N, C-alpha and C. Protein backbone atom coordinates (compact mmCIF):
# COMPACT_ATOMS: atom_id res chain seq x y z
N UNK A 1 155.85 64.01 126.28
CA UNK A 1 156.41 64.26 127.58
C UNK A 1 157.13 63.01 128.11
N UNK A 2 156.65 61.83 127.73
CA UNK A 2 157.29 60.60 128.18
C UNK A 2 158.70 60.47 127.60
N UNK A 3 158.86 60.85 126.35
CA UNK A 3 160.20 60.76 125.75
C UNK A 3 161.17 61.74 126.42
N UNK A 4 160.66 62.88 126.85
CA UNK A 4 161.50 63.84 127.58
C UNK A 4 161.97 63.25 128.90
N UNK A 5 161.07 62.63 129.62
CA UNK A 5 161.42 62.01 130.90
C UNK A 5 162.39 60.85 130.71
N UNK A 6 162.21 60.08 129.64
CA UNK A 6 163.13 58.99 129.35
C UNK A 6 164.53 59.53 129.05
N UNK A 7 164.58 60.61 128.29
CA UNK A 7 165.86 61.23 127.97
C UNK A 7 166.53 61.76 129.23
N UNK A 8 165.75 62.43 130.07
CA UNK A 8 166.30 62.94 131.32
C UNK A 8 166.81 61.80 132.19
N UNK A 9 166.03 60.75 132.29
CA UNK A 9 166.43 59.61 133.13
C UNK A 9 167.70 58.97 132.57
N UNK A 10 167.77 58.83 131.27
CA UNK A 10 168.93 58.19 130.63
C UNK A 10 170.21 58.96 130.93
N UNK A 11 170.22 60.24 130.63
CA UNK A 11 171.45 61.01 130.77
C UNK A 11 171.76 61.37 132.23
N UNK A 12 170.74 61.64 133.01
CA UNK A 12 170.99 61.99 134.42
C UNK A 12 171.49 60.79 135.21
N UNK A 13 170.94 59.62 134.93
CA UNK A 13 171.41 58.44 135.66
C UNK A 13 172.84 58.10 135.26
N UNK A 14 173.17 58.23 133.99
CA UNK A 14 174.55 57.99 133.57
C UNK A 14 175.50 59.00 134.19
N UNK A 15 175.08 60.25 134.25
CA UNK A 15 175.94 61.30 134.80
C UNK A 15 176.18 61.09 136.29
N UNK A 16 175.15 60.76 137.06
CA UNK A 16 175.34 60.60 138.50
C UNK A 16 176.14 59.33 138.80
N UNK A 17 175.90 58.27 138.04
CA UNK A 17 176.67 57.04 138.25
C UNK A 17 178.14 57.29 137.93
N UNK A 18 178.40 57.97 136.82
CA UNK A 18 179.78 58.31 136.46
C UNK A 18 180.44 59.19 137.50
N UNK A 19 179.71 60.18 137.99
CA UNK A 19 180.27 61.08 139.00
C UNK A 19 180.54 60.35 140.31
N UNK A 20 179.66 59.44 140.68
CA UNK A 20 179.86 58.69 141.92
C UNK A 20 181.09 57.80 141.81
N UNK A 21 181.23 57.10 140.68
CA UNK A 21 182.40 56.23 140.51
C UNK A 21 183.70 57.03 140.49
N UNK A 22 183.74 58.09 139.69
CA UNK A 22 184.95 58.90 139.61
C UNK A 22 185.20 59.60 140.95
N UNK A 23 184.15 60.13 141.55
CA UNK A 23 184.29 60.79 142.85
C UNK A 23 184.78 59.83 143.92
N UNK A 24 184.25 58.61 143.92
CA UNK A 24 184.68 57.60 144.88
C UNK A 24 186.15 57.24 144.66
N UNK A 25 186.55 57.17 143.39
CA UNK A 25 187.96 56.91 143.07
C UNK A 25 188.86 58.01 143.64
N UNK A 26 188.47 59.25 143.46
CA UNK A 26 189.26 60.37 143.99
C UNK A 26 189.28 60.35 145.52
N UNK A 27 188.16 60.02 146.12
CA UNK A 27 188.12 59.96 147.59
C UNK A 27 189.04 58.86 148.10
N UNK A 28 189.02 57.70 147.44
CA UNK A 28 189.92 56.61 147.83
C UNK A 28 191.39 56.97 147.59
N UNK A 29 191.64 57.81 146.58
CA UNK A 29 193.01 58.23 146.26
C UNK A 29 193.48 59.34 147.19
N UNK A 30 192.65 59.75 148.13
CA UNK A 30 193.04 60.78 149.08
C UNK A 30 192.70 62.20 148.65
N UNK A 31 191.94 62.34 147.61
CA UNK A 31 191.54 63.66 147.10
C UNK A 31 190.05 63.89 147.38
N UNK A 32 189.70 63.94 148.65
CA UNK A 32 188.29 64.10 149.03
C UNK A 32 187.65 65.36 148.44
N UNK A 33 188.32 66.51 148.47
CA UNK A 33 187.67 67.71 147.90
C UNK A 33 187.34 67.57 146.41
N UNK A 34 188.19 66.87 145.68
CA UNK A 34 187.94 66.69 144.24
C UNK A 34 186.73 65.79 144.03
N UNK A 35 186.68 64.67 144.75
CA UNK A 35 185.55 63.75 144.61
C UNK A 35 184.24 64.36 145.04
N UNK A 36 184.26 65.06 146.19
CA UNK A 36 183.03 65.69 146.68
C UNK A 36 182.60 66.83 145.76
N UNK A 37 183.53 67.57 145.21
CA UNK A 37 183.20 68.67 144.29
C UNK A 37 182.56 68.16 143.01
N UNK A 38 183.08 67.04 142.49
CA UNK A 38 182.52 66.47 141.27
C UNK A 38 181.08 66.02 141.49
N UNK A 39 180.84 65.37 142.61
CA UNK A 39 179.49 64.91 142.90
C UNK A 39 178.55 66.09 143.15
N UNK A 40 179.02 67.10 143.87
CA UNK A 40 178.19 68.28 144.12
C UNK A 40 177.80 68.98 142.82
N UNK A 41 178.76 69.20 141.95
CA UNK A 41 178.47 69.85 140.67
C UNK A 41 177.52 69.03 139.81
N UNK A 42 177.68 67.71 139.83
CA UNK A 42 176.81 66.84 139.04
C UNK A 42 175.38 66.87 139.54
N UNK A 43 175.20 66.87 140.85
CA UNK A 43 173.84 66.93 141.41
C UNK A 43 173.13 68.20 140.96
N UNK A 44 173.82 69.33 141.02
CA UNK A 44 173.20 70.58 140.59
C UNK A 44 172.99 70.61 139.08
N UNK A 45 173.87 69.97 138.33
CA UNK A 45 173.69 69.87 136.88
C UNK A 45 172.45 69.06 136.54
N UNK A 46 172.23 67.99 137.27
CA UNK A 46 171.05 67.16 137.05
C UNK A 46 169.77 67.93 137.39
N UNK A 47 169.78 68.65 138.50
CA UNK A 47 168.62 69.46 138.87
C UNK A 47 168.34 70.50 137.79
N UNK A 48 169.39 71.13 137.27
CA UNK A 48 169.25 72.11 136.21
C UNK A 48 168.63 71.47 134.96
N UNK A 49 169.11 70.29 134.58
CA UNK A 49 168.62 69.60 133.39
C UNK A 49 167.14 69.23 133.55
N UNK A 50 166.76 68.79 134.73
CA UNK A 50 165.36 68.42 134.98
C UNK A 50 164.47 69.67 134.95
N UNK A 51 164.92 70.75 135.57
CA UNK A 51 164.13 71.99 135.55
C UNK A 51 163.97 72.50 134.12
N UNK A 52 165.03 72.40 133.33
CA UNK A 52 164.95 72.83 131.94
C UNK A 52 163.87 72.05 131.19
N UNK A 53 163.81 70.75 131.42
CA UNK A 53 162.80 69.93 130.76
C UNK A 53 161.40 70.21 131.26
N UNK A 54 161.27 70.51 132.54
CA UNK A 54 159.95 70.79 133.11
C UNK A 54 159.40 72.13 132.64
N UNK A 55 160.24 73.04 132.25
CA UNK A 55 159.79 74.37 131.83
C UNK A 55 159.32 74.40 130.37
N UNK A 56 159.64 73.40 129.59
CA UNK A 56 159.27 73.39 128.17
C UNK A 56 157.76 73.51 127.95
N UNK A 57 156.92 72.75 128.65
CA UNK A 57 155.47 72.85 128.39
C UNK A 57 154.89 74.23 128.69
N UNK A 58 155.51 74.98 129.59
CA UNK A 58 154.99 76.30 129.92
C UNK A 58 155.19 77.31 128.79
N UNK A 59 156.12 77.02 127.90
CA UNK A 59 156.39 77.95 126.79
C UNK A 59 155.51 77.67 125.58
N UNK A 60 154.98 76.47 125.49
CA UNK A 60 154.19 76.10 124.32
C UNK A 60 152.80 76.71 124.42
N UNK A 61 152.35 77.31 123.34
CA UNK A 61 151.01 77.88 123.28
C UNK A 61 150.88 79.26 123.89
N UNK A 62 151.97 79.88 124.26
CA UNK A 62 151.94 81.21 124.85
C UNK A 62 152.25 82.26 123.78
N UNK A 63 151.94 83.50 124.08
CA UNK A 63 152.27 84.57 123.14
C UNK A 63 153.79 84.76 123.11
N UNK A 64 154.24 85.47 122.10
CA UNK A 64 155.68 85.68 121.91
C UNK A 64 156.29 86.41 123.10
N UNK A 65 155.61 87.44 123.60
CA UNK A 65 156.14 88.20 124.73
C UNK A 65 156.20 87.37 126.00
N UNK A 66 155.15 86.59 126.26
CA UNK A 66 155.15 85.74 127.45
C UNK A 66 156.24 84.68 127.36
N UNK A 67 156.39 84.10 126.18
CA UNK A 67 157.42 83.09 125.99
C UNK A 67 158.80 83.67 126.22
N UNK A 68 159.06 84.84 125.68
CA UNK A 68 160.36 85.49 125.86
C UNK A 68 160.61 85.80 127.33
N UNK A 69 159.63 86.36 128.00
CA UNK A 69 159.77 86.72 129.41
C UNK A 69 159.99 85.47 130.27
N UNK A 70 159.20 84.44 130.01
CA UNK A 70 159.31 83.20 130.78
C UNK A 70 160.67 82.53 130.53
N UNK A 71 161.13 82.56 129.29
CA UNK A 71 162.44 81.99 128.97
C UNK A 71 163.56 82.74 129.66
N UNK A 72 163.45 84.04 129.69
CA UNK A 72 164.46 84.86 130.35
C UNK A 72 164.52 84.56 131.85
N UNK A 73 163.37 84.46 132.48
CA UNK A 73 163.33 84.14 133.91
C UNK A 73 163.88 82.74 134.15
N UNK A 74 163.54 81.81 133.27
CA UNK A 74 164.03 80.44 133.40
C UNK A 74 165.55 80.38 133.31
N UNK A 75 166.11 81.09 132.36
CA UNK A 75 167.56 81.08 132.19
C UNK A 75 168.24 81.69 133.41
N UNK A 76 167.78 82.83 133.86
CA UNK A 76 168.41 83.47 135.01
C UNK A 76 168.27 82.64 136.29
N UNK A 77 167.11 82.02 136.48
CA UNK A 77 166.94 81.19 137.69
C UNK A 77 167.85 79.97 137.63
N UNK A 78 168.05 79.39 136.45
CA UNK A 78 168.95 78.25 136.34
C UNK A 78 170.40 78.67 136.49
N UNK A 79 170.76 79.88 136.05
CA UNK A 79 172.12 80.40 136.30
C UNK A 79 172.36 80.57 137.79
N UNK A 80 171.36 81.07 138.49
CA UNK A 80 171.48 81.23 139.94
C UNK A 80 171.63 79.86 140.60
N UNK A 81 170.85 78.89 140.13
CA UNK A 81 170.96 77.53 140.65
C UNK A 81 172.37 76.97 140.45
N UNK A 82 172.94 77.17 139.27
CA UNK A 82 174.28 76.66 138.98
C UNK A 82 175.37 77.45 139.69
N UNK A 83 175.04 78.65 140.16
CA UNK A 83 176.03 79.43 140.91
C UNK A 83 176.18 78.91 142.34
N UNK A 84 175.15 78.23 142.83
CA UNK A 84 175.19 77.73 144.22
C UNK A 84 176.37 76.80 144.47
N UNK A 85 176.60 75.75 143.64
CA UNK A 85 177.75 74.90 143.94
C UNK A 85 179.09 75.63 143.76
N UNK A 86 179.13 76.60 142.86
CA UNK A 86 180.36 77.38 142.69
C UNK A 86 180.66 78.20 143.94
N UNK A 87 179.63 78.81 144.50
CA UNK A 87 179.80 79.60 145.72
C UNK A 87 180.20 78.69 146.89
N UNK A 88 179.57 77.52 146.95
CA UNK A 88 179.92 76.56 148.00
C UNK A 88 181.39 76.15 147.88
N UNK A 89 181.83 75.89 146.65
CA UNK A 89 183.22 75.47 146.44
C UNK A 89 184.20 76.59 146.77
N UNK A 90 183.81 77.83 146.53
CA UNK A 90 184.69 78.96 146.85
C UNK A 90 184.75 79.18 148.36
N UNK A 91 183.61 79.04 149.02
CA UNK A 91 183.55 79.32 150.46
C UNK A 91 184.16 78.22 151.33
N UNK A 92 184.00 76.95 150.91
CA UNK A 92 184.42 75.83 151.75
C UNK A 92 185.57 75.07 151.10
N UNK A 93 186.56 74.75 151.90
CA UNK A 93 187.72 74.00 151.41
C UNK A 93 187.41 72.52 151.19
N UNK A 94 186.24 72.07 151.62
CA UNK A 94 185.85 70.67 151.45
C UNK A 94 185.61 70.31 149.99
N UNK A 95 185.40 71.33 149.14
CA UNK A 95 185.07 71.10 147.74
C UNK A 95 186.11 71.78 146.85
N UNK A 96 186.51 71.08 145.81
CA UNK A 96 187.45 71.62 144.84
C UNK A 96 186.68 72.36 143.75
N UNK A 97 187.06 73.60 143.48
CA UNK A 97 186.34 74.43 142.51
C UNK A 97 186.38 73.85 141.10
N UNK A 98 187.54 73.38 140.68
CA UNK A 98 187.67 72.84 139.32
C UNK A 98 186.80 71.60 139.14
N UNK A 99 186.76 70.73 140.15
CA UNK A 99 185.94 69.53 140.02
C UNK A 99 184.44 69.87 140.05
N UNK A 100 184.07 70.93 140.77
CA UNK A 100 182.67 71.38 140.74
C UNK A 100 182.30 71.84 139.33
N UNK A 101 183.19 72.54 138.68
CA UNK A 101 182.94 73.00 137.31
C UNK A 101 182.79 71.80 136.38
N UNK A 102 183.66 70.80 136.52
CA UNK A 102 183.51 69.58 135.71
C UNK A 102 182.19 68.89 136.01
N UNK A 103 181.78 68.87 137.27
CA UNK A 103 180.51 68.26 137.63
C UNK A 103 179.32 68.99 137.03
N UNK A 104 179.41 70.31 136.96
CA UNK A 104 178.33 71.10 136.37
C UNK A 104 178.14 70.75 134.90
N UNK A 105 179.22 70.36 134.23
CA UNK A 105 179.13 70.00 132.81
C UNK A 105 179.00 68.50 132.58
N UNK A 106 178.78 67.73 133.64
CA UNK A 106 178.75 66.28 133.52
C UNK A 106 177.60 65.79 132.63
N UNK A 107 176.41 66.32 132.78
CA UNK A 107 175.27 65.88 131.96
C UNK A 107 175.55 66.19 130.48
N UNK A 108 176.07 67.38 130.21
CA UNK A 108 176.38 67.75 128.84
C UNK A 108 177.48 66.85 128.26
N UNK A 109 178.45 66.49 129.08
CA UNK A 109 179.51 65.60 128.60
C UNK A 109 178.96 64.22 128.26
N UNK A 110 178.02 63.72 129.04
CA UNK A 110 177.44 62.42 128.74
C UNK A 110 176.54 62.48 127.51
N UNK A 111 175.86 63.58 127.29
CA UNK A 111 175.06 63.74 126.06
C UNK A 111 175.98 63.74 124.85
N UNK A 112 177.06 64.51 124.93
CA UNK A 112 178.02 64.58 123.83
C UNK A 112 178.67 63.22 123.60
N UNK A 113 179.06 62.53 124.65
CA UNK A 113 179.69 61.21 124.52
C UNK A 113 178.74 60.21 123.88
N UNK A 114 177.46 60.27 124.26
CA UNK A 114 176.47 59.36 123.68
C UNK A 114 176.32 59.60 122.18
N UNK A 115 176.26 60.85 121.79
CA UNK A 115 176.11 61.16 120.37
C UNK A 115 177.36 60.79 119.58
N UNK A 116 178.53 61.02 120.15
CA UNK A 116 179.77 60.63 119.48
C UNK A 116 179.88 59.12 119.34
N UNK A 117 179.47 58.39 120.36
CA UNK A 117 179.48 56.93 120.31
C UNK A 117 178.54 56.42 119.24
N UNK A 118 177.37 57.02 119.14
CA UNK A 118 176.42 56.62 118.09
C UNK A 118 176.97 56.93 116.70
N UNK A 119 177.63 58.06 116.55
CA UNK A 119 178.22 58.44 115.27
C UNK A 119 179.31 57.46 114.87
N UNK A 120 180.17 57.11 115.81
CA UNK A 120 181.27 56.19 115.52
C UNK A 120 180.74 54.81 115.16
N UNK A 121 179.75 54.32 115.90
CA UNK A 121 179.20 52.99 115.58
C UNK A 121 178.47 52.98 114.25
N UNK A 122 177.80 54.08 113.89
CA UNK A 122 177.11 54.12 112.60
C UNK A 122 178.12 54.19 111.46
N UNK A 123 179.23 54.86 111.65
CA UNK A 123 180.28 54.92 110.62
C UNK A 123 180.91 53.54 110.45
N UNK A 124 181.15 52.84 111.53
CA UNK A 124 181.72 51.49 111.45
C UNK A 124 180.78 50.52 110.76
N UNK A 125 179.48 50.64 111.02
CA UNK A 125 178.51 49.76 110.38
C UNK A 125 178.48 49.99 108.87
N UNK A 126 178.62 51.24 108.45
CA UNK A 126 178.62 51.55 107.02
C UNK A 126 179.86 51.01 106.34
N UNK A 127 180.98 50.98 107.04
CA UNK A 127 182.22 50.49 106.47
C UNK A 127 182.22 48.98 106.32
N UNK A 128 181.49 48.28 107.18
CA UNK A 128 181.45 46.82 107.14
C UNK A 128 180.45 46.40 106.11
C-alpha cells in the first residue's frame, strides 16, 4: 500500500504542479478560462486517480461476483466524478471545455511522459 501512495503522490504532484504552471501562464497571457479549465480538470483527475487507488484493496479477497459488481460501481462513480468538471465547463463561461478535457487527462499524460523518459534514457545508456 505504501508503494501505491508513493506512486499517487509522485504523479499527482507532478500533474498539479504542471497544471498550475501552465494554467498560470495562460492566465497571464489573458486566457483565464483556459488556465482555470486546465486546473479544474487536473484537480478532478487527481481525485479520480486517488479514488481508483483506494478502491483496489476492496477488490482483493472477494468473490468473483462481488469483485465484478464493486468494479462496475467504482467505474460508474468515477465517470460521474469526471463528468462534473465537464458539466461545469459547459455551464459556465469561466472555464474552457477543451482545457478541462486536457486537465482530465493530465495525470495520464504525466504517467506516459515518465515512462517514455525512462525508456529513452535506458536506450541511451545501452548505446553508450
